[in-house]
Amino acid sequence: LTAEILKDEIQIAVTRAGGLLDIGLICAPGDQAIDCHSSGTGPIKAGQLLVVDIFPRDRESFNYGDMTRTYLKGKASSKQRKLVKTVLEAQQRALKAIKPNKTGKEIHLGVVEFFNRRGYKTQKTKKGYIGFFHGTGHALGFDIHEEPSLSSRNQEPLQSGQCVTVEPGLYYWGLGGCRIEDCVLITKKGCELLSHHPYDWEIS
């Protein structure tokens, strides 16, 4: 199995479901996922973490969706399992924290602090950044990236009715990357999950 074959299969499934992948998608195995914008190429090997990020556009409304899952064929190592568990817990914490009048910065810094407490540091290496070096999320609609963002630069309060992604991730050379992303609608009391896909990731 290669990233190219998998992307073709995803393209077919999205088209049949009434969507368009007009700006591509990501199927990045192993260390390729450390570059968050790498589309992914070549063989997908057993035992590798595989980041699959799909951002289709609905044919009728022209609105974008955005969802990421991380998979692994076979049995994960203890380090891989801990990484994925930590990212999923970070996402669940962020989902519970989202509510009107909280700022995007507050949500993001909560994720950063959680990763730091778990021992996952972010730093710059000769190859580039490792750890958690992107925002926790962004709004989407007629464009794939809209405001407000869930990042350190957004100090504006979130508002009911906004739709944002929640996508923490961790990336380390030799271990690979993990990102888990869902879309939510911000409500008066919290947020409503709009994505519906399992979090099962080890494929036997």
C-alpha atoms as a PDB file:
ATOM      1  CA  LEU A   1       0.000   0.000   0.000  1.00  0.00           C
ATOM      2  CA  THR A   2       1.251   3.477  -0.875  1.00  0.00           C
ATOM      3  CA  ALA A   3       0.139   6.969   0.042  1.00  0.00           C
ATOM      4  CA  GLU A   4      -0.811   7.508  -3.592  1.00  0.00           C
ATOM      5  CA  ILE A   5      -3.139   4.475  -3.666  1.00  0.00           C
ATOM      6  CA  LEU A   6      -4.771   5.482  -0.395  1.00  0.00           C
ATOM      7  CA  LYS A   7      -5.327   9.049  -1.614  1.00  0.00           C
ATOM      8  CA  ASP A   8      -7.022   7.713  -4.759  1.00  0.00           C
ATOM      9  CA  GLU A   9      -9.370   5.591  -2.627  1.00  0.00           C
ATOM     10  CA  ILE A  10     -10.190   8.565  -0.386  1.00  0.00           C
ATOM     11  CA  GLN A  11     -10.861  10.724  -3.447  1.00  0.00           C
ATOM     12  CA  ILE A  12     -13.368   8.144  -4.746  1.00  0.00           C
ATOM     13  CA  ALA A  13     -15.113   7.863  -1.365  1.00  0.00           C
ATOM     14  CA  VAL A  14     -15.405  11.643  -0.961  1.00  0.00           C
ATOM     15  CA  THR A  15     -16.784  12.039  -4.505  1.00  0.00           C
ATOM     16  CA  ARG A  16     -19.402   9.352  -3.911  1.00  0.00           C
ATOM     17  CA  ALA A  17     -20.417  11.115  -0.684  1.00  0.00           C
ATOM     18  CA  GLY A  18     -21.025  14.401  -2.535  1.00  0.00           C
ATOM     19  CA  GLY A  19     -17.778  16.154  -1.756  1.00  0.00           C
ATOM     20  CA  LEU A  20     -14.838  17.709  -3.561  1.00  0.00           C
ATOM     21  CA  LEU A  21     -11.168  17.518  -2.597  1.00  0.00           C
ATOM     22  CA  ASP A  22     -10.284  20.703  -4.451  1.00  0.00           C
ATOM     23  CA  ILE A  23      -7.156  21.482  -2.404  1.00  0.00           C
ATOM     24  CA  GLY A  24      -5.913  17.948  -1.886  1.00  0.00           C
ATOM     25  CA  LEU A  25      -5.467  15.825   1.233  1.00  0.00           C
ATOM     26  CA  ILE A  26      -2.758  14.383   3.463  1.00  0.00           C
ATOM     27  CA  CYS A  27      -1.703  10.736   3.867  1.00  0.00           C
ATOM     28  CA  ALA A  28       1.690  11.091   5.499  1.00  0.00           C
ATOM     29  CA  PRO A  29       3.435   7.983   6.871  1.00  0.00           C
ATOM     30  CA  GLY A  30       6.269   7.962   9.404  1.00  0.00           C
ATOM     31  CA  ASP A  31       8.517  10.996   9.618  1.00  0.00           C
ATOM     32  CA  GLN A  32       6.828  12.615   6.585  1.00  0.00           C
ATOM     33  CA  ALA A  33       4.042  13.690   8.956  1.00  0.00           C
ATOM     34  CA  ILE A  34       6.444  15.911  10.907  1.00  0.00           C
ATOM     35  CA  ASP A  35       6.025  18.387   8.037  1.00  0.00           C
ATOM     36  CA  CYS A  36       2.358  19.168   8.680  1.00  0.00           C
ATOM     37  CA  HIS A  37       1.847  20.254   5.069  1.00  0.00           C
ATOM     38  CA  SER A  38       3.439  17.188   3.492  1.00  0.00           C
ATOM     39  CA  SER A  39       0.859  15.421   1.336  1.00  0.00           C
ATOM     40  CA  GLY A  40       2.694  12.123   1.789  1.00  0.00           C
ATOM     41  CA  THR A  41       4.288   9.829  -0.771  1.00  0.00           C
ATOM     42  CA  GLY A  42       5.521   6.281  -1.178  1.00  0.00           C
ATOM     43  CA  PRO A  43       4.993   3.030   0.721  1.00  0.00           C
ATOM     44  CA  ILE A  44       3.016   2.871   3.955  1.00  0.00           C
ATOM     45  CA  LYS A  45       4.857   0.356   6.108  1.00  0.00           C
ATOM     46  CA  ALA A  46       3.490  -1.725   8.963  1.00  0.00           C
ATOM     47  CA  GLY A  47       4.416  -0.296  12.341  1.00  0.00           C
ATOM     48  CA  GLN A  48       4.444   3.313  11.097  1.00  0.00           C
ATOM     49  CA  LEU A  49       2.151   6.033  12.350  1.00  0.00           C
ATOM     50  CA  LEU A  50       0.085   7.378   9.442  1.00  0.00           C
ATOM     51  CA  VAL A  51      -1.542  10.823   9.584  1.00  0.00           C
ATOM     52  CA  VAL A  52      -4.632  11.101   7.341  1.00  0.00           C
ATOM     53  CA  ASP A  53      -6.034  14.642   7.064  1.00  0.00           C
ATOM     54  CA  ILE A  54      -9.074  15.080   4.811  1.00  0.00           C
ATOM     55  CA  PHE A  55     -10.607  18.486   4.087  1.00  0.00           C
ATOM     56  CA  PRO A  56     -13.412  18.066   1.527  1.00  0.00           C
ATOM     57  CA  ARG A  57     -15.786  20.714   0.247  1.00  0.00           C
ATOM     58  CA  ASP A  58     -19.509  19.992   0.112  1.00  0.00           C
ATOM     59  CA  ARG A  59     -20.825  20.193  -3.463  1.00  0.00           C
ATOM     60  CA  GLU A  60     -24.124  21.824  -2.460  1.00  0.00           C
ATOM     61  CA  SER A  61     -23.164  24.324   0.237  1.00  0.00           C
ATOM     62  CA  PHE A  62     -19.498  24.822  -0.803  1.00  0.00           C
ATOM     63  CA  ASN A  63     -18.559  24.684   2.885  1.00  0.00           C
ATOM     64  CA  TYR A  64     -15.396  22.863   3.929  1.00  0.00           C
ATOM     65  CA  GLY A  65     -15.081  20.057   6.418  1.00  0.00           C
ATOM     66  CA  ASP A  66     -11.802  19.044   8.068  1.00  0.00           C
ATOM     67  CA  MET A  67     -10.959  15.857   9.947  1.00  0.00           C
ATOM     68  CA  THR A  68      -7.731  14.060  10.842  1.00  0.00           C
ATOM     69  CA  ARG A  69      -7.083  10.606  12.229  1.00  0.00           C
ATOM     70  CA  THR A  70      -3.826   8.771  12.886  1.00  0.00           C
ATOM     71  CA  TYR A  71      -3.526   5.065  12.069  1.00  0.00           C
ATOM     72  CA  LEU A  72      -1.020   2.249  12.344  1.00  0.00           C
ATOM     73  CA  LYS A  73      -1.029  -1.156  10.650  1.00  0.00           C
ATOM     74  CA  GLY A  74      -0.072  -3.867  13.134  1.00  0.00           C
ATOM     75  CA  LYS A  75       0.829  -3.489  16.796  1.00  0.00           C
ATOM     76  CA  ALA A  76       2.055  -0.136  18.057  1.00  0.00           C
ATOM     77  CA  SER A  77       5.097   0.279  20.266  1.00  0.00           C
ATOM     78  CA  SER A  78       4.693   1.594  23.808  1.00  0.00           C
ATOM     79  CA  LYS A  79       6.044   5.001  22.708  1.00  0.00           C
ATOM     80  CA  GLN A  80       3.607   5.186  19.789  1.00  0.00           C
ATOM     81  CA  ARG A  81       0.702   4.165  21.980  1.00  0.00           C
ATOM     82  CA  LYS A  82       1.593   6.775  24.602  1.00  0.00           C
ATOM     83  CA  LEU A  83       1.908   9.481  21.938  1.00  0.00           C
ATOM     84  CA  VAL A  84      -1.514   8.760  20.439  1.00  0.00           C
ATOM     85  CA  LYS A  85      -3.161   8.475  23.863  1.00  0.00           C
ATOM     86  CA  THR A  86      -1.697  11.826  24.890  1.00  0.00           C
ATOM     87  CA  VAL A  87      -2.872  13.605  21.723  1.00  0.00           C
ATOM     88  CA  LEU A  88      -6.380  12.180  22.081  1.00  0.00           C
ATOM     89  CA  GLU A  89      -6.543  13.272  25.720  1.00  0.00           C
ATOM     90  CA  ALA A  90      -5.342  16.754  24.737  1.00  0.00           C
ATOM     91  CA  GLN A  91      -8.098  16.986  22.151  1.00  0.00           C
ATOM     92  CA  GLN A  92     -10.773  15.828  24.597  1.00  0.00           C
ATOM     93  CA  ARG A  93      -9.598  18.405  27.135  1.00  0.00           C
ATOM     94  CA  ALA A  94      -9.746  21.171  24.521  1.00  0.00           C
ATOM     95  CA  LEU A  95     -13.252  20.112  23.469  1.00  0.00           C
ATOM     96  CA  LYS A  96     -14.444  20.353  27.077  1.00  0.00           C
ATOM     97  CA  ALA A  97     -12.793  23.763  27.494  1.00  0.00           C
ATOM     98  CA  ILE A  98     -14.390  25.409  24.438  1.00  0.00           C
ATOM     99  CA  LYS A  99     -17.253  27.779  25.250  1.00  0.00           C
ATOM    100  CA  PRO A 100     -18.312  31.343  24.405  1.00  0.00           C
ATOM    101  CA  ASN A 101     -16.149  34.115  25.902  1.00  0.00           C
ATOM    102  CA  LYS A 102     -13.110  31.848  26.186  1.00  0.00           C
ATOM    103  CA  THR A 103     -10.366  33.050  23.837  1.00  0.00           C
ATOM    104  CA  GLY A 104      -8.601  30.975  21.219  1.00  0.00           C
ATOM    105  CA  LYS A 105      -5.383  31.701  23.095  1.00  0.00           C
ATOM    106  CA  GLU A 106      -6.748  30.214  26.314  1.00  0.00           C
ATOM    107  CA  ILE A 107      -7.784  26.994  24.571  1.00  0.00           C
ATOM    108  CA  HIS A 108      -4.427  26.692  22.817  1.00  0.00           C
ATOM    109  CA  LEU A 109      -2.306  27.385  25.892  1.00  0.00           C
ATOM    110  CA  GLY A 110      -4.276  24.744  27.777  1.00  0.00           C
ATOM    111  CA  VAL A 111      -3.130  22.167  25.219  1.00  0.00           C
ATOM    112  CA  VAL A 112       0.469  23.428  25.297  1.00  0.00           C
ATOM    113  CA  GLU A 113       0.585  23.217  29.087  1.00  0.00           C
ATOM    114  CA  PHE A 114      -0.909  19.713  29.054  1.00  0.00           C
ATOM    115  CA  PHE A 115       1.724  18.450  26.599  1.00  0.00           C
ATOM    116  CA  ASN A 116       4.484  20.031  28.683  1.00  0.00           C
ATOM    117  CA  ARG A 117       3.211  18.345  31.841  1.00  0.00           C
ATOM    118  CA  ARG A 118       3.253  15.006  30.038  1.00  0.00           C
ATOM    119  CA  GLY A 119       6.885  15.530  29.044  1.00  0.00           C
ATOM    120  CA  TYR A 120       6.359  16.323  25.359  1.00  0.00           C
ATOM    121  CA  LYS A 121       8.531  19.367  24.802  1.00  0.00           C
ATOM    122  CA  THR A 122       8.538  21.577  21.735  1.00  0.00           C
ATOM    123  CA  GLN A 123      11.886  22.718  20.395  1.00  0.00           C
ATOM    124  CA  LYS A 124      13.778  23.617  17.241  1.00  0.00           C
ATOM    125  CA  THR A 125      16.314  21.101  15.914  1.00  0.00           C
ATOM    126  CA  LYS A 126      18.638  21.105  12.912  1.00  0.00           C
ATOM    127  CA  LYS A 127      15.872  19.371  10.942  1.00  0.00           C
ATOM    128  CA  GLY A 128      13.156  21.739  12.116  1.00  0.00           C
ATOM    129  CA  TYR A 129      10.642  21.940  14.939  1.00  0.00           C
ATOM    130  CA  ILE A 130       9.486  18.930  16.957  1.00  0.00           C
ATOM    131  CA  GLY A 131       6.726  18.613  19.523  1.00  0.00           C
ATOM    132  CA  PHE A 132       3.574  20.746  19.196  1.00  0.00           C
ATOM    133  CA  PHE A 133       4.323  23.639  16.873  1.00  0.00           C
ATOM    134  CA  HIS A 134       1.033  24.555  15.200  1.00  0.00           C
ATOM    135  CA  GLY A 135      -2.247  26.013  16.396  1.00  0.00           C
ATOM    136  CA  THR A 136      -4.905  23.952  18.145  1.00  0.00           C
ATOM    137  CA  GLY A 137      -7.516  24.817  15.538  1.00  0.00           C
ATOM    138  CA  HIS A 138      -9.128  27.270  13.147  1.00  0.00           C
ATOM    139  CA  ALA A 139     -12.544  28.277  11.908  1.00  0.00           C
ATOM    140  CA  LEU A 140     -13.739  27.071   8.519  1.00  0.00           C
ATOM    141  CA  GLY A 141     -16.581  27.686   6.110  1.00  0.00           C
ATOM    142  CA  PHE A 142     -16.271  28.923   2.522  1.00  0.00           C
ATOM    143  CA  ASP A 143     -12.506  28.835   3.104  1.00  0.00           C
ATOM    144  CA  ILE A 144     -10.569  26.042   4.777  1.00  0.00           C
ATOM    145  CA  HIS A 145      -8.819  28.430   7.189  1.00  0.00           C
ATOM    146  CA  GLU A 146     -10.878  31.262   8.619  1.00  0.00           C
ATOM    147  CA  GLU A 147     -10.957  33.284  11.816  1.00  0.00           C
ATOM    148  CA  PRO A 148     -11.146  32.772  14.725  1.00  0.00           C
ATOM    149  CA  SER A 149      -8.121  30.599  15.333  1.00  0.00           C
ATOM    150  CA  LEU A 150      -7.391  28.531  18.422  1.00  0.00           C
ATOM    151  CA  SER A 151      -3.856  29.831  18.769  1.00  0.00           C
ATOM    152  CA  SER A 152      -1.680  32.120  20.856  1.00  0.00           C
ATOM    153  CA  ARG A 153      -2.364  35.045  18.513  1.00  0.00           C
ATOM    154  CA  ASN A 154      -6.135  35.098  19.054  1.00  0.00           C
ATOM    155  CA  GLN A 155      -7.149  36.993  22.173  1.00  0.00           C
ATOM    156  CA  GLU A 156     -10.715  37.616  21.000  1.00  0.00           C
ATOM    157  CA  PRO A 157     -13.550  35.783  22.809  1.00  0.00           C
ATOM    158  CA  LEU A 158     -15.145  32.864  20.966  1.00  0.00           C
ATOM    159  CA  GLN A 159     -18.810  33.250  20.069  1.00  0.00           C
ATOM    160  CA  SER A 160     -21.784  30.934  19.878  1.00  0.00           C
ATOM    161  CA  GLY A 161     -22.457  29.885  16.274  1.00  0.00           C
ATOM    162  CA  GLN A 162     -18.818  29.751  15.185  1.00  0.00           C
ATOM    163  CA  CYS A 163     -17.481  26.511  13.708  1.00  0.00           C
ATOM    164  CA  VAL A 164     -13.886  25.564  14.509  1.00  0.00           C
ATOM    165  CA  THR A 165     -11.555  22.600  14.231  1.00  0.00           C
ATOM    166  CA  VAL A 166      -9.794  21.098  17.249  1.00  0.00           C
ATOM    167  CA  GLU A 167      -6.556  19.442  16.121  1.00  0.00           C
ATOM    168  CA  PRO A 168      -3.682  19.067  18.579  1.00  0.00           C
ATOM    169  CA  GLY A 169      -0.687  17.036  17.418  1.00  0.00           C
ATOM    170  CA  LEU A 170       2.758  15.809  18.380  1.00  0.00           C
ATOM    171  CA  TYR A 171       5.673  15.140  16.020  1.00  0.00           C
ATOM    172  CA  TYR A 172       9.105  13.613  16.664  1.00  0.00           C
ATOM    173  CA  TRP A 173      11.812  12.297  14.341  1.00  0.00           C
ATOM    174  CA  GLY A 174      12.052   8.513  14.447  1.00  0.00           C
ATOM    175  CA  LEU A 175       8.642   8.218  16.090  1.00  0.00           C
ATOM    176  CA  GLY A 176       6.503   9.991  13.519  1.00  0.00           C
ATOM    177  CA  GLY A 177       3.507  12.217  13.962  1.00  0.00           C
ATOM    178  CA  CYS A 178       0.052  12.054  15.470  1.00  0.00           C
ATOM    179  CA  ARG A 179      -2.773  14.523  14.901  1.00  0.00           C
ATOM    180  CA  ILE A 180      -6.437  14.077  15.794  1.00  0.00           C
ATOM    181  CA  GLU A 181      -8.938  16.590  14.450  1.00  0.00           C
ATOM    182  CA  ASP A 182     -12.676  17.148  14.575  1.00  0.00           C
ATOM    183  CA  CYS A 183     -15.001  20.033  13.751  1.00  0.00           C
ATOM    184  CA  VAL A 184     -17.273  21.540  16.385  1.00  0.00           C
ATOM    185  CA  LEU A 185     -20.037  24.125  16.507  1.00  0.00           C
ATOM    186  CA  ILE A 186     -19.679  26.499  19.452  1.00  0.00           C
ATOM    187  CA  THR A 187     -22.947  26.620  21.407  1.00  0.00           C
ATOM    188  CA  LYS A 188     -24.178  28.777  24.286  1.00  0.00           C
ATOM    189  CA  LYS A 189     -22.877  26.297  26.867  1.00  0.00           C
ATOM    190  CA  GLY A 190     -19.942  24.599  25.129  1.00  0.00           C
ATOM    191  CA  CYS A 191     -19.581  22.950  21.759  1.00  0.00           C
ATOM    192  CA  GLU A 192     -21.307  20.330  19.602  1.00  0.00           C
ATOM    193  CA  LEU A 193     -19.216  17.721  17.784  1.00  0.00           C
ATOM    194  CA  LEU A 194     -19.886  17.794  14.032  1.00  0.00           C
ATOM    195  CA  SER A 195     -17.438  15.046  13.007  1.00  0.00           C
ATOM    196  CA  HIS A 196     -18.483  11.436  13.379  1.00  0.00           C
ATOM    197  CA  HIS A 197     -15.696   8.913  12.951  1.00  0.00           C
ATOM    198  CA  PRO A 198     -14.174   6.320  15.310  1.00  0.00           C
ATOM    199  CA  TYR A 199     -10.891   6.907  17.110  1.00  0.00           C
ATOM    200  CA  ASP A 200      -9.766   3.281  16.605  1.00  0.00           C
ATOM    201  CA  TRP A 201      -6.308   3.493  15.116  1.00  0.00           C
ATOM    202  CA  GLU A 202      -4.444   0.163  15.363  1.00  0.00           C
ATOM    203  CA  ILE A 203      -5.371  -1.903  12.304  1.00  0.00           C
ATOM    204  CA  SER A 204      -4.756  -5.642  12.681  1.00  0.00           C
END
